[in-house]
Every structure is written in C-alpha cells, then in structure tokens.
Amino acid sequence: MMATRLGEKLRKLRKERQLTLEKLAELAGMSKSYLWELENRESQRPSAEKLTALADVLGVATSYFIEEDVRAPEERHLDEAFFRGYQKLDPEAKEQLRRILNTFKKN
C-alpha cells in the first residue's frame, strides 16, 4: 500500500490541525474509511466536491491538493493574501512596491 501525494498532503494537514480521521470525516461529511483510503491508497480519485469540502475544513485552497507546489499551506496562504492586497493597491502604490521588491532582488 503506497500513499499518493494527495494522501500525504491530507495526512500532514490533518495531523497539523490535530484532527483524527473520525473528526475530519465528521467535519467534511465523509466516512472515516473513505478518508483512510484517500490517505493510504494510490487509486483514490476524489471528486471536486469532496476535495473542496476537505480544503474548507482544513483551511487551504483546493488547489493545494492537486498542485505540485511543496510550500507549506501557511506560506501559500501568506503569498495569496499578499497578492490579493497588491491587487487592491492603486497604480502608484503598486509601482512603489515593485521598486522595493526589485531592490531586494538586487541584494
């Protein structure tokens, strides 16, 4: 039995959130045995609805489970929040921020 990348990510998040299989199953509206299968079997392919439910409960974007990005969810969350904040800036503030970032890249 070999866990998939999805299964590894799911187990890691579940343990970081200090959730048992039983509790996560209850919160996500799934069975404990189904979650065990996701964490431990290669052949599991959950539906988009199930991935979304798990992502919501675990506080990550659904894409976390399907992308190969290996950054921690917290780091991804900070990056996404930064980008959302950047998008709300006026053009002058965006240009100032770009100059600041370029200064860091040069050093």
PDB file of N, CA and C in Angstrom:
ATOM      1  N   MET A   1       0.834  -1.173   0.000  1.00  0.00           N
ATOM      2  CA  MET A   1       0.000   0.000   0.000  1.00  0.00           C
ATOM      3  C   MET A   1       0.886   1.247   0.000  1.00  0.00           C
ATOM      4  N   MET A   2       0.677   2.118  -0.965  1.00  0.00           N
ATOM      5  CA  MET A   2       1.505   3.299  -1.073  1.00  0.00           C
ATOM      6  C   MET A   2       0.620   4.537  -1.125  1.00  0.00           C
ATOM      7  N   ALA A   3       0.889   5.496  -0.276  1.00  0.00           N
ATOM      8  CA  ALA A   3       0.093   6.722  -0.263  1.00  0.00           C
ATOM      9  C   ALA A   3       0.436   7.586  -1.467  1.00  0.00           C
ATOM     10  N   THR A   4      -0.539   8.296  -1.943  1.00  0.00           N
ATOM     11  CA  THR A   4      -0.329   9.234  -3.040  1.00  0.00           C
ATOM     12  C   THR A   4       0.145  10.558  -2.477  1.00  0.00           C
ATOM     13  N   ARG A   5       0.541  11.441  -3.356  1.00  0.00           N
ATOM     14  CA  ARG A   5       0.916  12.806  -2.942  1.00  0.00           C
ATOM     15  C   ARG A   5      -0.283  13.459  -2.253  1.00  0.00           C
ATOM     16  N   LEU A   6      -1.463  13.255  -2.809  1.00  0.00           N
ATOM     17  CA  LEU A   6      -2.684  13.775  -2.187  1.00  0.00           C
ATOM     18  C   LEU A   6      -2.837  13.215  -0.775  1.00  0.00           C
ATOM     19  N   GLY A   7      -2.652  11.915  -0.650  1.00  0.00           N
ATOM     20  CA  GLY A   7      -2.780  11.282   0.656  1.00  0.00           C
ATOM     21  C   GLY A   7      -1.778  11.811   1.657  1.00  0.00           C
ATOM     22  N   GLU A   8      -0.553  12.024   1.213  1.00  0.00           N
ATOM     23  CA  GLU A   8       0.479  12.571   2.096  1.00  0.00           C
ATOM     24  C   GLU A   8       0.119  13.975   2.548  1.00  0.00           C
ATOM     25  N   LYS A   9      -0.349  14.799   1.620  1.00  0.00           N
ATOM     26  CA  LYS A   9      -0.734  16.164   1.963  1.00  0.00           C
ATOM     27  C   LYS A   9      -1.913  16.162   2.922  1.00  0.00           C
ATOM     28  N   LEU A  10      -2.891  15.316   2.650  1.00  0.00           N
ATOM     29  CA  LEU A  10      -4.075  15.236   3.500  1.00  0.00           C
ATOM     30  C   LEU A  10      -3.698  14.824   4.920  1.00  0.00           C
ATOM     31  N   ARG A  11      -2.901  13.778   5.048  1.00  0.00           N
ATOM     32  CA  ARG A  11      -2.490  13.298   6.372  1.00  0.00           C
ATOM     33  C   ARG A  11      -1.696  14.371   7.116  1.00  0.00           C
ATOM     34  N   LYS A  12      -0.775  15.016   6.411  1.00  0.00           N
ATOM     35  CA  LYS A  12       0.058  16.057   7.032  1.00  0.00           C
ATOM     36  C   LYS A  12      -0.816  17.188   7.583  1.00  0.00           C
ATOM     37  N   LEU A  13      -1.749  17.670   6.779  1.00  0.00           N
ATOM     38  CA  LEU A  13      -2.631  18.747   7.229  1.00  0.00           C
ATOM     39  C   LEU A  13      -3.514  18.301   8.392  1.00  0.00           C
ATOM     40  N   ARG A  14      -4.044  17.102   8.283  1.00  0.00           N
ATOM     41  CA  ARG A  14      -4.916  16.589   9.343  1.00  0.00           C
ATOM     42  C   ARG A  14      -4.169  16.535  10.666  1.00  0.00           C
ATOM     43  N   LYS A  15      -2.942  16.065  10.625  1.00  0.00           N
ATOM     44  CA  LYS A  15      -2.153  15.966  11.858  1.00  0.00           C
ATOM     45  C   LYS A  15      -1.742  17.347  12.367  1.00  0.00           C
ATOM     46  N   GLU A  16      -1.394  18.253  11.455  1.00  0.00           N
ATOM     47  CA  GLU A  16      -1.055  19.617  11.865  1.00  0.00           C
ATOM     48  C   GLU A  16      -2.235  20.297  12.551  1.00  0.00           C
ATOM     49  N   ARG A  17      -3.441  19.980  12.072  1.00  0.00           N
ATOM     50  CA  ARG A  17      -4.651  20.573  12.662  1.00  0.00           C
ATOM     51  C   ARG A  17      -5.140  19.776  13.878  1.00  0.00           C
ATOM     52  N   GLN A  18      -4.382  18.744  14.223  1.00  0.00           N
ATOM     53  CA  GLN A  18      -4.690  17.871  15.362  1.00  0.00           C
ATOM     54  C   GLN A  18      -6.095  17.270  15.260  1.00  0.00           C
ATOM     55  N   LEU A  19      -6.392  16.786  14.061  1.00  0.00           N
ATOM     56  CA  LEU A  19      -7.682  16.153  13.813  1.00  0.00           C
ATOM     57  C   LEU A  19      -7.501  14.646  13.650  1.00  0.00           C
ATOM     58  N   THR A  20      -8.388  13.887  14.230  1.00  0.00           N
ATOM     59  CA  THR A  20      -8.409  12.450  13.990  1.00  0.00           C
ATOM     60  C   THR A  20      -9.132  12.198  12.672  1.00  0.00           C
ATOM     61  N   LEU A  21      -8.987  10.997  12.150  1.00  0.00           N
ATOM     62  CA  LEU A  21      -9.761  10.634  10.962  1.00  0.00           C
ATOM     63  C   LEU A  21     -11.247  10.792  11.238  1.00  0.00           C
ATOM     64  N   GLU A  22     -11.668  10.371  12.433  1.00  0.00           N
ATOM     65  CA  GLU A  22     -13.089  10.457  12.796  1.00  0.00           C
ATOM     66  C   GLU A  22     -13.589  11.895  12.776  1.00  0.00           C
ATOM     67  N   LYS A  23     -12.820  12.810  13.371  1.00  0.00           N
ATOM     68  CA  LYS A  23     -13.251  14.206  13.458  1.00  0.00           C
ATOM     69  C   LYS A  23     -13.260  14.865  12.081  1.00  0.00           C
ATOM     70  N   LEU A  24     -12.211  14.619  11.286  1.00  0.00           N
ATOM     71  CA  LEU A  24     -12.174  15.186   9.940  1.00  0.00           C
ATOM     72  C   LEU A  24     -13.331  14.650   9.105  1.00  0.00           C
ATOM     73  N   ALA A  25     -13.609  13.365   9.238  1.00  0.00           N
ATOM     74  CA  ALA A  25     -14.724  12.767   8.496  1.00  0.00           C
ATOM     75  C   ALA A  25     -16.033  13.446   8.869  1.00  0.00           C
ATOM     76  N   GLU A  26     -16.221  13.666  10.150  1.00  0.00           N
ATOM     77  CA  GLU A  26     -17.448  14.325  10.630  1.00  0.00           C
ATOM     78  C   GLU A  26     -17.552  15.748  10.072  1.00  0.00           C
ATOM     79  N   LEU A  27     -16.470  16.510  10.165  1.00  0.00           N
ATOM     80  CA  LEU A  27     -16.476  17.903   9.707  1.00  0.00           C
ATOM     81  C   LEU A  27     -16.651  18.037   8.195  1.00  0.00           C
ATOM     82  N   ALA A  28     -16.096  17.080   7.453  1.00  0.00           N
ATOM     83  CA  ALA A  28     -16.146  17.146   5.988  1.00  0.00           C
ATOM     84  C   ALA A  28     -17.346  16.399   5.406  1.00  0.00           C
ATOM     85  N   GLY A  29     -18.098  15.682   6.252  1.00  0.00           N
ATOM     86  CA  GLY A  29     -19.256  14.946   5.758  1.00  0.00           C
ATOM     87  C   GLY A  29     -18.887  13.711   4.967  1.00  0.00           C
ATOM     88  N   MET A  30     -17.841  13.025   5.404  1.00  0.00           N
ATOM     89  CA  MET A  30     -17.375  11.810   4.722  1.00  0.00           C
ATOM     90  C   MET A  30     -17.198  10.710   5.762  1.00  0.00           C
ATOM     91  N   SER A  31     -16.989   9.517   5.283  1.00  0.00           N
ATOM     92  CA  SER A  31     -16.758   8.412   6.216  1.00  0.00           C
ATOM     93  C   SER A  31     -15.281   8.337   6.585  1.00  0.00           C
ATOM     94  N   LYS A  32     -15.027   7.816   7.757  1.00  0.00           N
ATOM     95  CA  LYS A  32     -13.655   7.611   8.218  1.00  0.00           C
ATOM     96  C   LYS A  32     -12.916   6.674   7.269  1.00  0.00           C
ATOM     97  N   SER A  33     -13.581   5.627   6.819  1.00  0.00           N
ATOM     98  CA  SER A  33     -12.923   4.666   5.931  1.00  0.00           C
ATOM     99  C   SER A  33     -12.552   5.305   4.590  1.00  0.00           C
ATOM    100  N   TYR A  34     -13.401   6.214   4.082  1.00  0.00           N
ATOM    101  CA  TYR A  34     -13.080   6.892   2.828  1.00  0.00           C
ATOM    102  C   TYR A  34     -11.830   7.754   2.992  1.00  0.00           C
ATOM    103  N   LEU A  35     -11.753   8.491   4.106  1.00  0.00           N
ATOM    104  CA  LEU A  35     -10.574   9.320   4.345  1.00  0.00           C
ATOM    105  C   LEU A  35      -9.318   8.467   4.492  1.00  0.00           C
ATOM    106  N   TRP A  36      -9.456   7.333   5.160  1.00  0.00           N
ATOM    107  CA  TRP A  36      -8.312   6.428   5.292  1.00  0.00           C
ATOM    108  C   TRP A  36      -7.848   5.992   3.909  1.00  0.00           C
ATOM    109  N   GLU A  37      -8.799   5.669   3.043  1.00  0.00           N
ATOM    110  CA  GLU A  37      -8.461   5.270   1.665  1.00  0.00           C
ATOM    111  C   GLU A  37      -7.723   6.404   0.940  1.00  0.00           C
ATOM    112  N   LEU A  38      -8.205   7.623   1.097  1.00  0.00           N
ATOM    113  CA  LEU A  38      -7.536   8.753   0.449  1.00  0.00           C
ATOM    114  C   LEU A  38      -6.105   8.897   0.925  1.00  0.00           C
ATOM    115  N   GLU A  39      -5.890   8.713   2.215  1.00  0.00           N
ATOM    116  CA  GLU A  39      -4.556   8.887   2.770  1.00  0.00           C
ATOM    117  C   GLU A  39      -3.609   7.739   2.423  1.00  0.00           C
ATOM    118  N   ASN A  40      -4.145   6.553   2.169  1.00  0.00           N
ATOM    119  CA  ASN A  40      -3.294   5.369   2.087  1.00  0.00           C
ATOM    120  C   ASN A  40      -3.289   4.603   0.775  1.00  0.00           C
ATOM    121  N   ARG A  41      -4.216   4.848  -0.098  1.00  0.00           N
ATOM    122  CA  ARG A  41      -4.296   4.072  -1.348  1.00  0.00           C
ATOM    123  C   ARG A  41      -3.993   4.954  -2.548  1.00  0.00           C
ATOM    124  N   GLU A  42      -3.256   4.395  -3.481  1.00  0.00           N
ATOM    125  CA  GLU A  42      -2.886   5.138  -4.691  1.00  0.00           C
ATOM    126  C   GLU A  42      -4.055   5.393  -5.630  1.00  0.00           C
ATOM    127  N   SER A  43      -4.981   4.491  -5.684  1.00  0.00           N
ATOM    128  CA  SER A  43      -6.025   4.542  -6.716  1.00  0.00           C
ATOM    129  C   SER A  43      -7.167   5.516  -6.418  1.00  0.00           C
ATOM    130  N   GLN A  44      -7.131   6.187  -5.296  1.00  0.00           N
ATOM    131  CA  GLN A  44      -8.241   7.070  -4.938  1.00  0.00           C
ATOM    132  C   GLN A  44      -8.210   8.375  -5.721  1.00  0.00           C
ATOM    133  N   ARG A  45      -9.339   8.729  -6.303  1.00  0.00           N
ATOM    134  CA  ARG A  45      -9.505   9.971  -7.055  1.00  0.00           C
ATOM    135  C   ARG A  45     -10.771  10.656  -6.558  1.00  0.00           C
ATOM    136  N   PRO A  46     -10.659  11.513  -5.563  1.00  0.00           N
ATOM    137  CA  PRO A  46     -11.855  12.149  -5.020  1.00  0.00           C
ATOM    138  C   PRO A  46     -12.476  13.151  -5.995  1.00  0.00           C
ATOM    139  N   SER A  47     -13.758  13.357  -5.855  1.00  0.00           N
ATOM    140  CA  SER A  47     -14.456  14.339  -6.690  1.00  0.00           C
ATOM    141  C   SER A  47     -14.053  15.753  -6.270  1.00  0.00           C
ATOM    142  N   ALA A  48     -14.339  16.699  -7.132  1.00  0.00           N
ATOM    143  CA  ALA A  48     -14.054  18.108  -6.830  1.00  0.00           C
ATOM    144  C   ALA A  48     -14.815  18.550  -5.581  1.00  0.00           C
ATOM    145  N   GLU A  49     -16.033  18.050  -5.419  1.00  0.00           N
ATOM    146  CA  GLU A  49     -16.833  18.413  -4.250  1.00  0.00           C
ATOM    147  C   GLU A  49     -16.178  17.927  -2.964  1.00  0.00           C
ATOM    148  N   LYS A  50     -15.649  16.714  -2.994  1.00  0.00           N
ATOM    149  CA  LYS A  50     -15.000  16.168  -1.795  1.00  0.00           C
ATOM    150  C   LYS A  50     -13.702  16.908  -1.491  1.00  0.00           C
ATOM    151  N   LEU A  51     -12.931  17.220  -2.527  1.00  0.00           N
ATOM    152  CA  LEU A  51     -11.705  17.986  -2.306  1.00  0.00           C
ATOM    153  C   LEU A  51     -12.017  19.365  -1.742  1.00  0.00           C
ATOM    154  N   THR A  52     -13.065  19.990  -2.246  1.00  0.00           N
ATOM    155  CA  THR A  52     -13.457  21.306  -1.761  1.00  0.00           C
ATOM    156  C   THR A  52     -13.874  21.234  -0.297  1.00  0.00           C
ATOM    157  N   ALA A  53     -14.639  20.211   0.063  1.00  0.00           N
ATOM    158  CA  ALA A  53     -15.063  20.053   1.459  1.00  0.00           C
ATOM    159  C   ALA A  53     -13.853  19.866   2.371  1.00  0.00           C
ATOM    160  N   LEU A  54     -12.901  19.055   1.953  1.00  0.00           N
ATOM    161  CA  LEU A  54     -11.692  18.839   2.761  1.00  0.00           C
ATOM    162  C   LEU A  54     -10.873  20.125   2.869  1.00  0.00           C
ATOM    163  N   ALA A  55     -10.722  20.821   1.758  1.00  0.00           N
ATOM    164  CA  ALA A  55      -9.959  22.074   1.768  1.00  0.00           C
ATOM    165  C   ALA A  55     -10.611  23.090   2.701  1.00  0.00           C
ATOM    166  N   ASP A  56     -11.926  23.191   2.656  1.00  0.00           N
ATOM    167  CA  ASP A  56     -12.633  24.132   3.527  1.00  0.00           C
ATOM    168  C   ASP A  56     -12.396  23.813   4.996  1.00  0.00           C
ATOM    169  N   VAL A  57     -12.528  22.547   5.355  1.00  0.00           N
ATOM    170  CA  VAL A  57     -12.345  22.134   6.743  1.00  0.00           C
ATOM    171  C   VAL A  57     -10.905  22.365   7.199  1.00  0.00           C
ATOM    172  N   LEU A  58      -9.955  22.101   6.308  1.00  0.00           N
ATOM    173  CA  LEU A  58      -8.539  22.192   6.671  1.00  0.00           C
ATOM    174  C   LEU A  58      -7.948  23.582   6.462  1.00  0.00           C
ATOM    175  N   GLY A  59      -8.724  24.484   5.876  1.00  0.00           N
ATOM    176  CA  GLY A  59      -8.288  25.866   5.728  1.00  0.00           C
ATOM    177  C   GLY A  59      -7.235  26.104   4.658  1.00  0.00           C
ATOM    178  N   VAL A  60      -7.336  25.356   3.551  1.00  0.00           N
ATOM    179  CA  VAL A  60      -6.406  25.549   2.439  1.00  0.00           C
ATOM    180  C   VAL A  60      -7.204  25.696   1.149  1.00  0.00           C
ATOM    181  N   ALA A  61      -6.535  26.161   0.113  1.00  0.00           N
ATOM    182  CA  ALA A  61      -7.163  26.217  -1.204  1.00  0.00           C
ATOM    183  C   ALA A  61      -7.249  24.798  -1.765  1.00  0.00           C
ATOM    184  N   THR A  62      -8.287  24.525  -2.509  1.00  0.00           N
ATOM    185  CA  THR A  62      -8.444  23.202  -3.116  1.00  0.00           C
ATOM    186  C   THR A  62      -7.231  22.854  -3.968  1.00  0.00           C
ATOM    187  N   SER A  63      -6.666  23.835  -4.615  1.00  0.00           N
ATOM    188  CA  SER A  63      -5.508  23.611  -5.478  1.00  0.00           C
ATOM    189  C   SER A  63      -4.317  23.034  -4.719  1.00  0.00           C
ATOM    190  N   TYR A  64      -4.258  23.253  -3.418  1.00  0.00           N
ATOM    191  CA  TYR A  64      -3.155  22.701  -2.622  1.00  0.00           C
ATOM    192  C   TYR A  64      -3.047  21.190  -2.800  1.00  0.00           C
ATOM    193  N   PHE A  65      -4.188  20.526  -2.910  1.00  0.00           N
ATOM    194  CA  PHE A  65      -4.188  19.072  -3.016  1.00  0.00           C
ATOM    195  C   PHE A  65      -3.765  18.567  -4.394  1.00  0.00           C
ATOM    196  N   ILE A  66      -3.952  19.377  -5.425  1.00  0.00           N
ATOM    197  CA  ILE A  66      -3.704  18.880  -6.771  1.00  0.00           C
ATOM    198  C   ILE A  66      -2.456  19.450  -7.428  1.00  0.00           C
ATOM    199  N   GLU A  67      -1.919  20.522  -6.880  1.00  0.00           N
ATOM    200  CA  GLU A  67      -0.712  21.111  -7.444  1.00  0.00           C
ATOM    201  C   GLU A  67       0.516  20.472  -6.830  1.00  0.00           C
ATOM    202  N   GLU A  68       1.600  20.581  -7.517  1.00  0.00           N
ATOM    203  CA  GLU A  68       2.865  20.013  -7.041  1.00  0.00           C
ATOM    204  C   GLU A  68       3.643  20.986  -6.170  1.00  0.00           C
ATOM    205  N   ASP A  69       3.074  22.130  -5.874  1.00  0.00           N
ATOM    206  CA  ASP A  69       3.744  23.115  -5.032  1.00  0.00           C
ATOM    207  C   ASP A  69       3.991  22.511  -3.663  1.00  0.00           C
ATOM    208  N   VAL A  70       5.222  22.518  -3.242  1.00  0.00           N
ATOM    209  CA  VAL A  70       5.566  21.863  -1.985  1.00  0.00           C
ATOM    210  C   VAL A  70       5.645  22.837  -0.805  1.00  0.00           C
ATOM    211  N   ARG A  71       5.323  24.105  -1.035  1.00  0.00           N
ATOM    212  CA  ARG A  71       5.333  25.048   0.074  1.00  0.00           C
ATOM    213  C   ARG A  71       4.273  24.658   1.086  1.00  0.00           C
ATOM    214  N   ALA A  72       4.525  25.009   2.315  1.00  0.00           N
ATOM    215  CA  ALA A  72       3.566  24.744   3.378  1.00  0.00           C
ATOM    216  C   ALA A  72       2.303  25.549   3.119  1.00  0.00           C
ATOM    217  N   PRO A  73       1.140  25.041   3.523  1.00  0.00           N
ATOM    218  CA  PRO A  73      -0.105  25.776   3.312  1.00  0.00           C
ATOM    219  C   PRO A  73      -0.076  27.183   3.898  1.00  0.00           C
ATOM    220  N   GLU A  74       0.573  27.352   5.037  1.00  0.00           N
ATOM    221  CA  GLU A  74       0.628  28.670   5.665  1.00  0.00           C
ATOM    222  C   GLU A  74       1.396  29.657   4.791  1.00  0.00           C
ATOM    223  N   GLU A  75       2.487  29.176   4.183  1.00  0.00           N
ATOM    224  CA  GLU A  75       3.273  30.032   3.305  1.00  0.00           C
ATOM    225  C   GLU A  75       2.474  30.404   2.062  1.00  0.00           C
ATOM    226  N   ARG A  76       1.785  29.427   1.505  1.00  0.00           N
ATOM    227  CA  ARG A  76       0.935  29.696   0.335  1.00  0.00           C
ATOM    228  C   ARG A  76      -0.146  30.697   0.692  1.00  0.00           C
ATOM    229  N   HIS A  77      -0.742  30.520   1.865  1.00  0.00           N
ATOM    230  CA  HIS A  77      -1.803  31.416   2.308  1.00  0.00           C
ATOM    231  C   HIS A  77      -1.279  32.848   2.410  1.00  0.00           C
ATOM    232  N   LEU A  78      -0.088  33.021   2.976  1.00  0.00           N
ATOM    233  CA  LEU A  78       0.506  34.352   3.088  1.00  0.00           C
ATOM    234  C   LEU A  78       0.786  34.951   1.716  1.00  0.00           C
ATOM    235  N   ASP A  79       1.317  34.130   0.805  1.00  0.00           N
ATOM    236  CA  ASP A  79       1.581  34.616  -0.551  1.00  0.00           C
ATOM    237  C   ASP A  79       0.291  35.048  -1.242  1.00  0.00           C
ATOM    238  N   GLU A  80      -0.754  34.255  -1.109  1.00  0.00           N
ATOM    239  CA  GLU A  80      -2.032  34.585  -1.738  1.00  0.00           C
ATOM    240  C   GLU A  80      -2.627  35.848  -1.133  1.00  0.00           C
ATOM    241  N   ALA A  81      -2.509  36.004   0.195  1.00  0.00           N
ATOM    242  CA  ALA A  81      -3.021  37.205   0.859  1.00  0.00           C
ATOM    243  C   ALA A  81      -2.241  38.436   0.409  1.00  0.00           C
ATOM    244  N   PHE A  82      -0.930  38.285   0.266  1.00  0.00           N
ATOM    245  CA  PHE A  82      -0.100  39.388  -0.216  1.00  0.00           C
ATOM    246  C   PHE A  82      -0.538  39.811  -1.612  1.00  0.00           C
ATOM    247  N   PHE A  83      -0.741  38.838  -2.490  1.00  0.00           N
ATOM    248  CA  PHE A  83      -1.129  39.155  -3.863  1.00  0.00           C
ATOM    249  C   PHE A  83      -2.508  39.819  -3.906  1.00  0.00           C
ATOM    250  N   ARG A  84      -3.441  39.329  -3.093  1.00  0.00           N
ATOM    251  CA  ARG A  84      -4.767  39.965  -3.053  1.00  0.00           C
ATOM    252  C   ARG A  84      -4.649  41.417  -2.592  1.00  0.00           C
ATOM    253  N   GLY A  85      -3.796  41.665  -1.599  1.00  0.00           N
ATOM    254  CA  GLY A  85      -3.572  43.033  -1.132  1.00  0.00           C
ATOM    255  C   GLY A  85      -2.944  43.886  -2.213  1.00  0.00           C
ATOM    256  N   TYR A  86      -1.999  43.313  -2.919  1.00  0.00           N
ATOM    257  CA  TYR A  86      -1.344  44.024  -4.013  1.00  0.00           C
ATOM    258  C   TYR A  86      -2.358  44.434  -5.077  1.00  0.00           C
ATOM    259  N   GLN A  87      -3.259  43.532  -5.406  1.00  0.00           N
ATOM    260  CA  GLN A  87      -4.257  43.821  -6.439  1.00  0.00           C
ATOM    261  C   GLN A  87      -5.151  44.998  -6.059  1.00  0.00           C
ATOM    262  N   LYS A  88      -5.326  45.250  -4.789  1.00  0.00           N
ATOM    263  CA  LYS A  88      -6.200  46.330  -4.324  1.00  0.00           C
ATOM    264  C   LYS A  88      -5.506  47.691  -4.293  1.00  0.00           C
ATOM    265  N   LEU A  89      -4.196  47.689  -4.466  1.00  0.00           N
ATOM    266  CA  LEU A  89      -3.450  48.953  -4.413  1.00  0.00           C
ATOM    267  C   LEU A  89      -3.702  49.801  -5.654  1.00  0.00           C
ATOM    268  N   ASP A  90      -3.540  51.118  -5.478  1.00  0.00           N
ATOM    269  CA  ASP A  90      -3.637  51.992  -6.642  1.00  0.00           C
ATOM    270  C   ASP A  90      -2.333  51.855  -7.446  1.00  0.00           C
ATOM    271  N   PRO A  91      -2.333  52.287  -8.707  1.00  0.00           N
ATOM    272  CA  PRO A  91      -1.158  52.098  -9.569  1.00  0.00           C
ATOM    273  C   PRO A  91       0.141  52.676  -8.992  1.00  0.00           C
ATOM    274  N   GLU A  92       0.053  53.813  -8.335  1.00  0.00           N
ATOM    275  CA  GLU A  92       1.260  54.421  -7.762  1.00  0.00           C
ATOM    276  C   GLU A  92       1.843  53.549  -6.646  1.00  0.00           C
ATOM    277  N   ALA A  93       0.998  53.038  -5.791  1.00  0.00           N
ATOM    278  CA  ALA A  93       1.464  52.169  -4.705  1.00  0.00           C
ATOM    279  C   ALA A  93       2.047  50.866  -5.259  1.00  0.00           C
ATOM    280  N   LYS A  94       1.435  50.349  -6.328  1.00  0.00           N
ATOM    281  CA  LYS A  94       1.971  49.134  -6.956  1.00  0.00           C
ATOM    282  C   LYS A  94       3.380  49.387  -7.483  1.00  0.00           C
ATOM    283  N   GLU A  95       3.582  50.525  -8.113  1.00  0.00           N
ATOM    284  CA  GLU A  95       4.903  50.855  -8.645  1.00  0.00           C
ATOM    285  C   GLU A  95       5.930  50.994  -7.524  1.00  0.00           C
ATOM    286  N   GLN A  96       5.554  51.619  -6.423  1.00  0.00           N
ATOM    287  CA  GLN A  96       6.459  51.745  -5.275  1.00  0.00           C
ATOM    288  C   GLN A  96       6.833  50.364  -4.734  1.00  0.00           C
ATOM    289  N   LEU A  97       5.868  49.495  -4.634  1.00  0.00           N
ATOM    290  CA  LEU A  97       6.126  48.151  -4.131  1.00  0.00           C
ATOM    291  C   LEU A  97       7.035  47.374  -5.086  1.00  0.00           C
ATOM    292  N   ARG A  98       6.821  47.529  -6.379  1.00  0.00           N
ATOM    293  CA  ARG A  98       7.695  46.863  -7.356  1.00  0.00           C
ATOM    294  C   ARG A  98       9.138  47.338  -7.201  1.00  0.00           C
ATOM    295  N   ARG A  99       9.320  48.654  -6.982  1.00  0.00           N
ATOM    296  CA  ARG A  99      10.677  49.183  -6.799  1.00  0.00           C
ATOM    297  C   ARG A  99      11.320  48.605  -5.538  1.00  0.00           C
ATOM    298  N   ILE A 100      10.558  48.507  -4.482  1.00  0.00           N
ATOM    299  CA  ILE A 100      11.078  47.925  -3.233  1.00  0.00           C
ATOM    300  C   ILE A 100      11.495  46.482  -3.463  1.00  0.00           C
ATOM    301  N   LEU A 101      10.632  45.702  -4.121  1.00  0.00           N
ATOM    302  CA  LEU A 101      10.955  44.302  -4.384  1.00  0.00           C
ATOM    303  C   LEU A 101      12.185  44.169  -5.267  1.00  0.00           C
ATOM    304  N   ASN A 102      12.314  45.035  -6.254  1.00  0.00           N
ATOM    305  CA  ASN A 102      13.494  45.000  -7.131  1.00  0.00           C
ATOM    306  C   ASN A 102      14.767  45.295  -6.352  1.00  0.00           C
ATOM    307  N   THR A 103      14.679  46.176  -5.376  1.00  0.00           N
ATOM    308  CA  THR A 103      15.828  46.472  -4.520  1.00  0.00           C
ATOM    309  C   THR A 103      16.264  45.218  -3.775  1.00  0.00           C
ATOM    310  N   PHE A 104      15.315  44.449  -3.262  1.00  0.00           N
ATOM    311  CA  PHE A 104      15.642  43.210  -2.557  1.00  0.00           C
ATOM    312  C   PHE A 104      16.241  42.173  -3.499  1.00  0.00           C
ATOM    313  N   LYS A 105      15.745  42.112  -4.710  1.00  0.00           N
ATOM    314  CA  LYS A 105      16.258  41.131  -5.675  1.00  0.00           C
ATOM    315  C   LYS A 105      17.702  41.421  -6.035  1.00  0.00           C
ATOM    316  N   LYS A 106      18.105  42.691  -6.048  1.00  0.00           N
ATOM    317  CA  LYS A 106      19.464  43.063  -6.417  1.00  0.00           C
ATOM    318  C   LYS A 106      20.467  42.715  -5.327  1.00  0.00           C
ATOM    319  N   ASN A 107      20.017  42.639  -4.104  1.00  0.00           N
ATOM    320  CA  ASN A 107      20.938  42.386  -2.973  1.00  0.00           C
ATOM    321  C   ASN A 107      21.133  40.950  -2.719  1.00  0.00           C
TER     322      ASN A 107
END
